[in-house]
Amino acid sequence: MRQDKVALIQCKDFAPRITERGPFGGASDYESFSEVVRTANQWIESRTIQVINVETVVLPDRIEGTSDGDYGLTVSNGFYPVMISQGVTINCFQCVRVWYRE
């Protein structure tokens, strides 16, 4: 029986990067969602991968390991407050998730 190497499904998230930091740790400005999509497209074009699916996901701020930027409070058009409990909200970003095989 022949066993070929199976390419595992992987994903990469692209979130808005900070374009300008706010003073004294205040709100920052972030890339627009169209810029996030452009970054995802450039990443796809620069690799030899099989794209399985591309989706929009909403991820909390203060996330690690997405794109190449820093995250925090925002005034971006990709920013959404999400209520997680009565009166408690967390700040989230509209992000792009690419599912692929190498």
PDB file of N, CA and C in Angstrom:
ATOM      1  N   MET A   1       0.839  -1.166   0.000  1.00  0.00           N
ATOM      2  CA  MET A   1       0.000   0.000   0.000  1.00  0.00           C
ATOM      3  C   MET A   1       0.895   1.244   0.000  1.00  0.00           C
ATOM      4  N   ARG A   2       0.621   2.155  -0.899  1.00  0.00           N
ATOM      5  CA  ARG A   2       1.403   3.369  -1.028  1.00  0.00           C
ATOM      6  C   ARG A   2       0.798   4.458  -0.146  1.00  0.00           C
ATOM      7  N   GLN A   3       1.653   5.110   0.628  1.00  0.00           N
ATOM      8  CA  GLN A   3       1.179   6.194   1.477  1.00  0.00           C
ATOM      9  C   GLN A   3       1.871   7.486   1.055  1.00  0.00           C
ATOM     10  N   ASP A   4       1.109   8.390   0.499  1.00  0.00           N
ATOM     11  CA  ASP A   4       1.632   9.695   0.132  1.00  0.00           C
ATOM     12  C   ASP A   4       1.553  10.622   1.339  1.00  0.00           C
ATOM     13  N   LYS A   5       2.433  11.598   1.330  1.00  0.00           N
ATOM     14  CA  LYS A   5       2.389  12.608   2.388  1.00  0.00           C
ATOM     15  C   LYS A   5       1.094  13.400   2.241  1.00  0.00           C
ATOM     16  N   VAL A   6       0.345  13.471   3.316  1.00  0.00           N
ATOM     17  CA  VAL A   6      -0.924  14.184   3.314  1.00  0.00           C
ATOM     18  C   VAL A   6      -0.669  15.624   3.760  1.00  0.00           C
ATOM     19  N   ALA A   7      -1.122  16.573   2.958  1.00  0.00           N
ATOM     20  CA  ALA A   7      -0.991  17.984   3.319  1.00  0.00           C
ATOM     21  C   ALA A   7      -2.088  18.340   4.313  1.00  0.00           C
ATOM     22  N   LEU A   8      -1.686  18.752   5.494  1.00  0.00           N
ATOM     23  CA  LEU A   8      -2.637  19.100   6.534  1.00  0.00           C
ATOM     24  C   LEU A   8      -3.235  20.477   6.282  1.00  0.00           C
ATOM     25  N   ILE A   9      -4.477  20.631   6.673  1.00  0.00           N
ATOM     26  CA  ILE A   9      -5.144  21.924   6.552  1.00  0.00           C
ATOM     27  C   ILE A   9      -4.564  22.866   7.610  1.00  0.00           C
ATOM     28  N   GLN A  10      -4.285  24.090   7.188  1.00  0.00           N
ATOM     29  CA  GLN A  10      -3.763  25.118   8.075  1.00  0.00           C
ATOM     30  C   GLN A  10      -4.580  26.390   7.878  1.00  0.00           C
ATOM     31  N   CYS A  11      -4.425  27.338   8.794  1.00  0.00           N
ATOM     32  CA  CYS A  11      -5.080  28.633   8.604  1.00  0.00           C
ATOM     33  C   CYS A  11      -4.158  29.748   9.048  1.00  0.00           C
ATOM     34  N   LYS A  12      -4.388  30.922   8.485  1.00  0.00           N
ATOM     35  CA  LYS A  12      -3.648  32.132   8.860  1.00  0.00           C
ATOM     36  C   LYS A  12      -4.659  33.261   8.977  1.00  0.00           C
ATOM     37  N   ASP A  13      -4.558  34.016  10.061  1.00  0.00           N
ATOM     38  CA  ASP A  13      -5.451  35.143  10.304  1.00  0.00           C
ATOM     39  C   ASP A  13      -4.734  36.450   9.976  1.00  0.00           C
ATOM     40  N   PHE A  14      -5.489  37.374   9.396  1.00  0.00           N
ATOM     41  CA  PHE A  14      -4.988  38.709   9.081  1.00  0.00           C
ATOM     42  C   PHE A  14      -5.888  39.719   9.778  1.00  0.00           C
ATOM     43  N   ALA A  15      -5.301  40.501  10.686  1.00  0.00           N
ATOM     44  CA  ALA A  15      -6.045  41.506  11.445  1.00  0.00           C
ATOM     45  C   ALA A  15      -5.515  42.891  11.087  1.00  0.00           C
ATOM     46  N   PRO A  16      -6.311  43.929  11.325  1.00  0.00           N
ATOM     47  CA  PRO A  16      -5.838  45.290  11.038  1.00  0.00           C
ATOM     48  C   PRO A  16      -4.588  45.630  11.848  1.00  0.00           C
ATOM     49  N   ARG A  17      -3.592  46.200  11.179  1.00  0.00           N
ATOM     50  CA  ARG A  17      -2.373  46.649  11.854  1.00  0.00           C
ATOM     51  C   ARG A  17      -2.529  48.108  12.261  1.00  0.00           C
ATOM     52  N   ILE A  18      -1.832  48.490  13.305  1.00  0.00           N
ATOM     53  CA  ILE A  18      -1.857  49.876  13.765  1.00  0.00           C
ATOM     54  C   ILE A  18      -1.172  50.758  12.724  1.00  0.00           C
ATOM     55  N   THR A  19      -1.835  51.848  12.350  1.00  0.00           N
ATOM     56  CA  THR A  19      -1.232  52.823  11.441  1.00  0.00           C
ATOM     57  C   THR A  19      -0.728  54.039  12.212  1.00  0.00           C
ATOM     58  N   GLU A  20      -1.324  54.295  13.368  1.00  0.00           N
ATOM     59  CA  GLU A  20      -0.883  55.408  14.213  1.00  0.00           C
ATOM     60  C   GLU A  20      -1.286  55.125  15.643  1.00  0.00           C
ATOM     61  N   ARG A  21      -0.310  55.174  16.543  1.00  0.00           N
ATOM     62  CA  ARG A  21      -0.590  54.931  17.960  1.00  0.00           C
ATOM     63  C   ARG A  21      -1.176  56.177  18.610  1.00  0.00           C
ATOM     64  N   GLY A  22      -2.117  55.940  19.509  1.00  0.00           N
ATOM     65  CA  GLY A  22      -2.694  57.043  20.273  1.00  0.00           C
ATOM     66  C   GLY A  22      -1.733  57.501  21.349  1.00  0.00           C
ATOM     67  N   PRO A  23      -1.859  58.759  21.783  1.00  0.00           N
ATOM     68  CA  PRO A  23      -0.969  59.265  22.831  1.00  0.00           C
ATOM     69  C   PRO A  23      -1.255  58.614  24.183  1.00  0.00           C
ATOM     70  N   PHE A  24      -0.202  58.357  24.915  1.00  0.00           N
ATOM     71  CA  PHE A  24      -0.301  57.844  26.288  1.00  0.00           C
ATOM     72  C   PHE A  24      -1.137  56.569  26.392  1.00  0.00           C
ATOM     73  N   GLY A  25      -1.034  55.673  25.415  1.00  0.00           N
ATOM     74  CA  GLY A  25      -1.750  54.399  25.462  1.00  0.00           C
ATOM     75  C   GLY A  25      -3.214  54.496  25.101  1.00  0.00           C
ATOM     76  N   GLY A  26      -3.623  55.644  24.550  1.00  0.00           N
ATOM     77  CA  GLY A  26      -5.020  55.820  24.155  1.00  0.00           C
ATOM     78  C   GLY A  26      -5.327  55.074  22.866  1.00  0.00           C
ATOM     79  N   ALA A  27      -6.524  55.295  22.352  1.00  0.00           N
ATOM     80  CA  ALA A  27      -6.979  54.612  21.142  1.00  0.00           C
ATOM     81  C   ALA A  27      -6.036  54.872  19.978  1.00  0.00           C
ATOM     82  N   SER A  28      -5.836  53.858  19.157  1.00  0.00           N
ATOM     83  CA  SER A  28      -4.971  53.942  17.993  1.00  0.00           C
ATOM     84  C   SER A  28      -5.808  53.889  16.726  1.00  0.00           C
ATOM     85  N   ASP A  29      -5.210  54.311  15.622  1.00  0.00           N
ATOM     86  CA  ASP A  29      -5.845  54.163  14.311  1.00  0.00           C
ATOM     87  C   ASP A  29      -5.326  52.881  13.676  1.00  0.00           C
ATOM     88  N   TYR A  30      -6.190  52.192  12.943  1.00  0.00           N
ATOM     89  CA  TYR A  30      -5.853  50.913  12.325  1.00  0.00           C
ATOM     90  C   TYR A  30      -6.144  50.931  10.838  1.00  0.00           C
ATOM     91  N   GLU A  31      -5.560  49.964  10.139  1.00  0.00           N
ATOM     92  CA  GLU A  31      -5.853  49.779   8.725  1.00  0.00           C
ATOM     93  C   GLU A  31      -7.346  49.551   8.522  1.00  0.00           C
ATOM     94  N   SER A  32      -7.824  49.907   7.339  1.00  0.00           N
ATOM     95  CA  SER A  32      -9.214  49.605   6.991  1.00  0.00           C
ATOM     96  C   SER A  32      -9.316  48.114   6.643  1.00  0.00           C
ATOM     97  N   PHE A  33     -10.538  47.615   6.611  1.00  0.00           N
ATOM     98  CA  PHE A  33     -10.732  46.210   6.273  1.00  0.00           C
ATOM     99  C   PHE A  33     -10.257  45.917   4.849  1.00  0.00           C
ATOM    100  N   SER A  34     -10.436  46.861   3.929  1.00  0.00           N
ATOM    101  CA  SER A  34      -9.964  46.634   2.547  1.00  0.00           C
ATOM    102  C   SER A  34      -8.446  46.484   2.505  1.00  0.00           C
ATOM    103  N   GLU A  35      -7.721  47.174   3.393  1.00  0.00           N
ATOM    104  CA  GLU A  35      -6.267  47.000   3.462  1.00  0.00           C
ATOM    105  C   GLU A  35      -5.911  45.618   4.024  1.00  0.00           C
ATOM    106  N   VAL A  36      -6.703  45.119   4.953  1.00  0.00           N
ATOM    107  CA  VAL A  36      -6.482  43.773   5.494  1.00  0.00           C
ATOM    108  C   VAL A  36      -6.678  42.741   4.382  1.00  0.00           C
ATOM    109  N   VAL A  37      -7.728  42.912   3.575  1.00  0.00           N
ATOM    110  CA  VAL A  37      -7.986  42.007   2.447  1.00  0.00           C
ATOM    111  C   VAL A  37      -6.826  42.062   1.459  1.00  0.00           C
ATOM    112  N   ARG A  38      -6.321  43.255   1.175  1.00  0.00           N
ATOM    113  CA  ARG A  38      -5.186  43.408   0.264  1.00  0.00           C
ATOM    114  C   ARG A  38      -3.950  42.650   0.793  1.00  0.00           C
ATOM    115  N   THR A  39      -3.686  42.761   2.090  1.00  0.00           N
ATOM    116  CA  THR A  39      -2.563  42.051   2.706  1.00  0.00           C
ATOM    117  C   THR A  39      -2.736  40.536   2.579  1.00  0.00           C
ATOM    118  N   ALA A  40      -3.947  40.043   2.815  1.00  0.00           N
ATOM    119  CA  ALA A  40      -4.221  38.603   2.686  1.00  0.00           C
ATOM    120  C   ALA A  40      -4.000  38.153   1.244  1.00  0.00           C
ATOM    121  N   ASN A  41      -4.472  38.932   0.278  1.00  0.00           N
ATOM    122  CA  ASN A  41      -4.278  38.591  -1.135  1.00  0.00           C
ATOM    123  C   ASN A  41      -2.801  38.549  -1.496  1.00  0.00           C
ATOM    124  N   GLN A  42      -2.015  39.502  -1.017  1.00  0.00           N
ATOM    125  CA  GLN A  42      -0.576  39.517  -1.292  1.00  0.00           C
ATOM    126  C   GLN A  42       0.099  38.288  -0.689  1.00  0.00           C
ATOM    127  N   TRP A  43      -0.311  37.909   0.510  1.00  0.00           N
ATOM    128  CA  TRP A  43       0.267  36.729   1.156  1.00  0.00           C
ATOM    129  C   TRP A  43      -0.046  35.476   0.339  1.00  0.00           C
ATOM    130  N   ILE A  44      -1.300  35.349  -0.119  1.00  0.00           N
ATOM    131  CA  ILE A  44      -1.703  34.189  -0.932  1.00  0.00           C
ATOM    132  C   ILE A  44      -0.888  34.134  -2.219  1.00  0.00           C
ATOM    133  N   GLU A  45      -0.749  35.266  -2.897  1.00  0.00           N
ATOM    134  CA  GLU A  45      -0.015  35.312  -4.161  1.00  0.00           C
ATOM    135  C   GLU A  45       1.464  35.002  -3.997  1.00  0.00           C
ATOM    136  N   SER A  46       2.029  35.247  -2.823  1.00  0.00           N
ATOM    137  CA  SER A  46       3.463  35.054  -2.606  1.00  0.00           C
ATOM    138  C   SER A  46       3.819  33.626  -2.182  1.00  0.00           C
ATOM    139  N   ARG A  47       2.841  32.750  -2.107  1.00  0.00           N
ATOM    140  CA  ARG A  47       3.088  31.376  -1.658  1.00  0.00           C
ATOM    141  C   ARG A  47       2.546  30.367  -2.649  1.00  0.00           C
ATOM    142  N   THR A  48       3.094  29.162  -2.540  1.00  0.00           N
ATOM    143  CA  THR A  48       2.594  28.052  -3.342  1.00  0.00           C
ATOM    144  C   THR A  48       1.712  27.216  -2.434  1.00  0.00           C
ATOM    145  N   ILE A  49       0.450  27.580  -2.385  1.00  0.00           N
ATOM    146  CA  ILE A  49      -0.502  26.911  -1.506  1.00  0.00           C
ATOM    147  C   ILE A  49      -1.791  26.647  -2.266  1.00  0.00           C
ATOM    148  N   GLN A  50      -2.577  25.743  -1.724  1.00  0.00           N
ATOM    149  CA  GLN A  50      -3.922  25.497  -2.237  1.00  0.00           C
ATOM    150  C   GLN A  50      -4.887  26.142  -1.245  1.00  0.00           C
ATOM    151  N   VAL A  51      -5.538  27.229  -1.673  1.00  0.00           N
ATOM    152  CA  VAL A  51      -6.501  27.905  -0.805  1.00  0.00           C
ATOM    153  C   VAL A  51      -7.783  27.087  -0.788  1.00  0.00           C
ATOM    154  N   ILE A  52      -8.238  26.759   0.409  1.00  0.00           N
ATOM    155  CA  ILE A  52      -9.457  25.973   0.582  1.00  0.00           C
ATOM    156  C   ILE A  52     -10.650  26.889   0.793  1.00  0.00           C
ATOM    157  N   ASN A  53     -10.456  27.920   1.616  1.00  0.00           N
ATOM    158  CA  ASN A  53     -11.554  28.822   1.926  1.00  0.00           C
ATOM    159  C   ASN A  53     -10.975  30.121   2.481  1.00  0.00           C
ATOM    160  N   VAL A  54     -11.692  31.212   2.254  1.00  0.00           N
ATOM    161  CA  VAL A  54     -11.361  32.498   2.853  1.00  0.00           C
ATOM    162  C   VAL A  54     -12.639  32.993   3.524  1.00  0.00           C
ATOM    163  N   GLU A  55     -12.515  33.409   4.791  1.00  0.00           N
ATOM    164  CA  GLU A  55     -13.697  33.844   5.511  1.00  0.00           C
ATOM    165  C   GLU A  55     -13.388  35.074   6.352  1.00  0.00           C
ATOM    166  N   THR A  56     -14.434  35.770   6.719  1.00  0.00           N
ATOM    167  CA  THR A  56     -14.325  36.884   7.648  1.00  0.00           C
ATOM    168  C   THR A  56     -14.631  36.347   9.037  1.00  0.00           C
ATOM    169  N   VAL A  57     -13.776  36.682   9.979  1.00  0.00           N
ATOM    170  CA  VAL A  57     -13.998  36.294  11.369  1.00  0.00           C
ATOM    171  C   VAL A  57     -13.841  37.526  12.240  1.00  0.00           C
ATOM    172  N   VAL A  58     -14.494  37.516  13.375  1.00  0.00           N
ATOM    173  CA  VAL A  58     -14.355  38.598  14.339  1.00  0.00           C
ATOM    174  C   VAL A  58     -13.539  38.041  15.499  1.00  0.00           C
ATOM    175  N   LEU A  59     -12.364  38.637  15.723  1.00  0.00           N
ATOM    176  CA  LEU A  59     -11.449  38.182  16.768  1.00  0.00           C
ATOM    177  C   LEU A  59     -11.260  39.278  17.805  1.00  0.00           C
ATOM    178  N   PRO A  60     -11.033  38.888  19.053  1.00  0.00           N
ATOM    179  CA  PRO A  60     -10.845  39.904  20.104  1.00  0.00           C
ATOM    180  C   PRO A  60      -9.546  40.674  19.892  1.00  0.00           C
ATOM    181  N   ASP A  61      -9.526  41.926  20.369  1.00  0.00           N
ATOM    182  CA  ASP A  61      -8.263  42.655  20.336  1.00  0.00           C
ATOM    183  C   ASP A  61      -7.326  42.024  21.350  1.00  0.00           C
ATOM    184  N   ARG A  62      -6.120  42.493  21.369  1.00  0.00           N
ATOM    185  CA  ARG A  62      -5.075  41.915  22.227  1.00  0.00           C
ATOM    186  C   ARG A  62      -4.745  40.489  21.822  1.00  0.00           C
ATOM    187  N   ILE A  63      -4.887  40.199  20.537  1.00  0.00           N
ATOM    188  CA  ILE A  63      -4.565  38.864  20.053  1.00  0.00           C
ATOM    189  C   ILE A  63      -3.100  38.815  19.648  1.00  0.00           C
ATOM    190  N   GLU A  64      -2.520  37.659  19.749  1.00  0.00           N
ATOM    191  CA  GLU A  64      -1.116  37.456  19.401  1.00  0.00           C
ATOM    192  C   GLU A  64      -1.032  36.621  18.137  1.00  0.00           C
ATOM    193  N   GLY A  65      -0.016  36.887  17.347  1.00  0.00           N
ATOM    194  CA  GLY A  65       0.292  36.007  16.224  1.00  0.00           C
ATOM    195  C   GLY A  65      -0.530  36.215  14.972  1.00  0.00           C
ATOM    196  N   THR A  66      -1.267  37.306  14.848  1.00  0.00           N
ATOM    197  CA  THR A  66      -1.990  37.553  13.608  1.00  0.00           C
ATOM    198  C   THR A  66      -1.299  38.672  12.862  1.00  0.00           C
ATOM    199  N   SER A  67      -1.093  38.469  11.589  1.00  0.00           N
ATOM    200  CA  SER A  67      -0.379  39.418  10.745  1.00  0.00           C
ATOM    201  C   SER A  67       0.962  39.746  11.385  1.00  0.00           C
ATOM    202  N   ASP A  68       1.380  41.002  11.258  1.00  0.00           N
ATOM    203  CA  ASP A  68       2.685  41.403  11.770  1.00  0.00           C
ATOM    204  C   ASP A  68       2.606  42.629  12.660  1.00  0.00           C
ATOM    205  N   GLY A  69       1.426  42.924  13.192  1.00  0.00           N
ATOM    206  CA  GLY A  69       1.263  44.182  13.905  1.00  0.00           C
ATOM    207  C   GLY A  69       0.943  44.017  15.367  1.00  0.00           C
ATOM    208  N   ASP A  70       0.620  45.130  15.994  1.00  0.00           N
ATOM    209  CA  ASP A  70       0.227  45.181  17.403  1.00  0.00           C
ATOM    210  C   ASP A  70      -1.243  45.544  17.459  1.00  0.00           C
ATOM    211  N   TYR A  71      -1.902  45.114  18.516  1.00  0.00           N
ATOM    212  CA  TYR A  71      -3.345  45.323  18.597  1.00  0.00           C
ATOM    213  C   TYR A  71      -3.728  45.945  19.921  1.00  0.00           C
ATOM    214  N   GLY A  72      -4.822  46.644  19.957  1.00  0.00           N
ATOM    215  CA  GLY A  72      -5.326  47.291  21.154  1.00  0.00           C
ATOM    216  C   GLY A  72      -6.613  48.004  20.820  1.00  0.00           C
ATOM    217  N   LEU A  73      -7.004  49.005  21.583  1.00  0.00           N
ATOM    218  CA  LEU A  73      -8.226  49.748  21.309  1.00  0.00           C
ATOM    219  C   LEU A  73      -8.111  50.448  19.961  1.00  0.00           C
ATOM    220  N   THR A  74      -9.239  50.654  19.299  1.00  0.00           N
ATOM    221  CA  THR A  74      -9.185  51.142  17.926  1.00  0.00           C
ATOM    222  C   THR A  74     -10.323  52.090  17.592  1.00  0.00           C
ATOM    223  N   VAL A  75     -10.120  52.819  16.517  1.00  0.00           N
ATOM    224  CA  VAL A  75     -11.193  53.607  15.921  1.00  0.00           C
ATOM    225  C   VAL A  75     -11.414  53.121  14.490  1.00  0.00           C
ATOM    226  N   SER A  76     -10.922  51.952  14.173  1.00  0.00           N
ATOM    227  CA  SER A  76     -11.012  51.390  12.825  1.00  0.00           C
ATOM    228  C   SER A  76     -12.452  51.072  12.446  1.00  0.00           C
ATOM    229  N   ASN A  77     -12.730  51.096  11.127  1.00  0.00           N
ATOM    230  CA  ASN A  77     -14.060  50.684  10.674  1.00  0.00           C
ATOM    231  C   ASN A  77     -14.215  49.172  10.748  1.00  0.00           C
ATOM    232  N   GLY A  78     -13.157  48.448  11.102  1.00  0.00           N
ATOM    233  CA  GLY A  78     -13.224  47.012  11.291  1.00  0.00           C
ATOM    234  C   GLY A  78     -13.361  46.620  12.750  1.00  0.00           C
ATOM    235  N   PHE A  79     -13.661  47.565  13.616  1.00  0.00           N
ATOM    236  CA  PHE A  79     -13.721  47.360  15.060  1.00  0.00           C
ATOM    237  C   PHE A  79     -15.168  47.202  15.516  1.00  0.00           C
ATOM    238  N   TYR A  80     -15.424  46.218  16.393  1.00  0.00           N
ATOM    239  CA  TYR A  80     -16.777  45.964  16.898  1.00  0.00           C
ATOM    240  C   TYR A  80     -16.730  45.682  18.379  1.00  0.00           C
ATOM    241  N   PRO A  81     -17.535  46.378  19.186  1.00  0.00           N
ATOM    242  CA  PRO A  81     -17.653  45.983  20.595  1.00  0.00           C
ATOM    243  C   PRO A  81     -18.601  44.779  20.684  1.00  0.00           C
ATOM    244  N   VAL A  82     -18.208  43.742  21.416  1.00  0.00           N
ATOM    245  CA  VAL A  82     -19.023  42.533  21.552  1.00  0.00           C
ATOM    246  C   VAL A  82     -19.308  42.319  23.032  1.00  0.00           C
ATOM    247  N   MET A  83     -20.603  42.197  23.377  1.00  0.00           N
ATOM    248  CA  MET A  83     -20.976  41.975  24.768  1.00  0.00           C
ATOM    249  C   MET A  83     -20.767  40.498  25.102  1.00  0.00           C
ATOM    250  N   ILE A  84     -19.947  40.237  26.121  1.00  0.00           N
ATOM    251  CA  ILE A  84     -19.692  38.851  26.523  1.00  0.00           C
ATOM    252  C   ILE A  84     -20.463  38.481  27.781  1.00  0.00           C
ATOM    253  N   SER A  85     -20.949  39.470  28.476  1.00  0.00           N
ATOM    254  CA  SER A  85     -21.724  39.238  29.678  1.00  0.00           C
ATOM    255  C   SER A  85     -22.507  40.521  29.935  1.00  0.00           C
ATOM    256  N   GLN A  86     -23.432  40.484  30.849  1.00  0.00           N
ATOM    257  CA  GLN A  86     -24.274  41.646  31.092  1.00  0.00           C
ATOM    258  C   GLN A  86     -23.422  42.873  31.418  1.00  0.00           C
ATOM    259  N   GLY A  87     -23.418  43.837  30.482  1.00  0.00           N
ATOM    260  CA  GLY A  87     -22.686  45.081  30.672  1.00  0.00           C
ATOM    261  C   GLY A  87     -21.187  45.003  30.427  1.00  0.00           C
ATOM    262  N   VAL A  88     -20.662  43.820  30.113  1.00  0.00           N
ATOM    263  CA  VAL A  88     -19.220  43.672  29.874  1.00  0.00           C
ATOM    264  C   VAL A  88     -18.998  43.446  28.383  1.00  0.00           C
ATOM    265  N   THR A  89     -18.201  44.324  27.775  1.00  0.00           N
ATOM    266  CA  THR A  89     -17.905  44.164  26.351  1.00  0.00           C
ATOM    267  C   THR A  89     -16.401  44.016  26.155  1.00  0.00           C
ATOM    268  N   ILE A  90     -16.049  43.346  25.075  1.00  0.00           N
ATOM    269  CA  ILE A  90     -14.655  43.290  24.642  1.00  0.00           C
ATOM    270  C   ILE A  90     -14.602  43.887  23.243  1.00  0.00           C
ATOM    271  N   ASN A  91     -13.471  44.436  22.892  1.00  0.00           N
ATOM    272  CA  ASN A  91     -13.297  45.039  21.584  1.00  0.00           C
ATOM    273  C   ASN A  91     -12.784  43.986  20.612  1.00  0.00           C
ATOM    274  N   CYS A  92     -13.416  43.902  19.447  1.00  0.00           N
ATOM    275  CA  CYS A  92     -13.063  42.892  18.455  1.00  0.00           C
ATOM    276  C   CYS A  92     -12.795  43.543  17.104  1.00  0.00           C
ATOM    277  N   PHE A  93     -12.053  42.836  16.259  1.00  0.00           N
ATOM    278  CA  PHE A  93     -11.731  43.285  14.918  1.00  0.00           C
ATOM    279  C   PHE A  93     -12.331  42.354  13.888  1.00  0.00           C
ATOM    280  N   GLN A  94     -12.736  42.921  12.755  1.00  0.00           N
ATOM    281  CA  GLN A  94     -13.111  42.107  11.602  1.00  0.00           C
ATOM    282  C   GLN A  94     -11.805  41.700  10.926  1.00  0.00           C
ATOM    283  N   CYS A  95     -11.582  40.397  10.799  1.00  0.00           N
ATOM    284  CA  CYS A  95     -10.334  39.857  10.278  1.00  0.00           C
ATOM    285  C   CYS A  95     -10.616  38.935   9.091  1.00  0.00           C
ATOM    286  N   VAL A  96      -9.570  38.573   8.380  1.00  0.00           N
ATOM    287  CA  VAL A  96      -9.650  37.622   7.282  1.00  0.00           C
ATOM    288  C   VAL A  96      -8.925  36.361   7.695  1.00  0.00           C
ATOM    289  N   ARG A  97      -9.568  35.219   7.543  1.00  0.00           N
ATOM    290  CA  ARG A  97      -8.940  33.913   7.823  1.00  0.00           C
ATOM    291  C   ARG A  97      -8.837  33.144   6.517  1.00  0.00           C
ATOM    292  N   VAL A  98      -7.628  32.677   6.225  1.00  0.00           N
ATOM    293  CA  VAL A  98      -7.370  31.898   5.013  1.00  0.00           C
ATOM    294  C   VAL A  98      -7.087  30.465   5.446  1.00  0.00           C
ATOM    295  N   TRP A  99      -7.898  29.529   4.939  1.00  0.00           N
ATOM    296  CA  TRP A  99      -7.678  28.095   5.149  1.00  0.00           C
ATOM    297  C   TRP A  99      -6.962  27.567   3.908  1.00  0.00           C
ATOM    298  N   TYR A 100      -5.886  26.781   4.114  1.00  0.00           N
ATOM    299  CA  TYR A 100      -5.070  26.358   2.972  1.00  0.00           C
ATOM    300  C   TYR A 100      -4.335  25.053   3.261  1.00  0.00           C
ATOM    301  N   ARG A 101      -3.775  24.501   2.195  1.00  0.00           N
ATOM    302  CA  ARG A 101      -2.844  23.359   2.256  1.00  0.00           C
ATOM    303  C   ARG A 101      -1.562  23.761   1.548  1.00  0.00           C
ATOM    304  N   GLU A 102      -0.426  23.305   2.073  1.00  0.00           N
ATOM    305  CA  GLU A 102       0.859  23.574   1.412  1.00  0.00           C
ATOM    306  C   GLU A 102       1.190  22.434   0.479  1.00  0.00           C
TER     307      GLU A 102
END
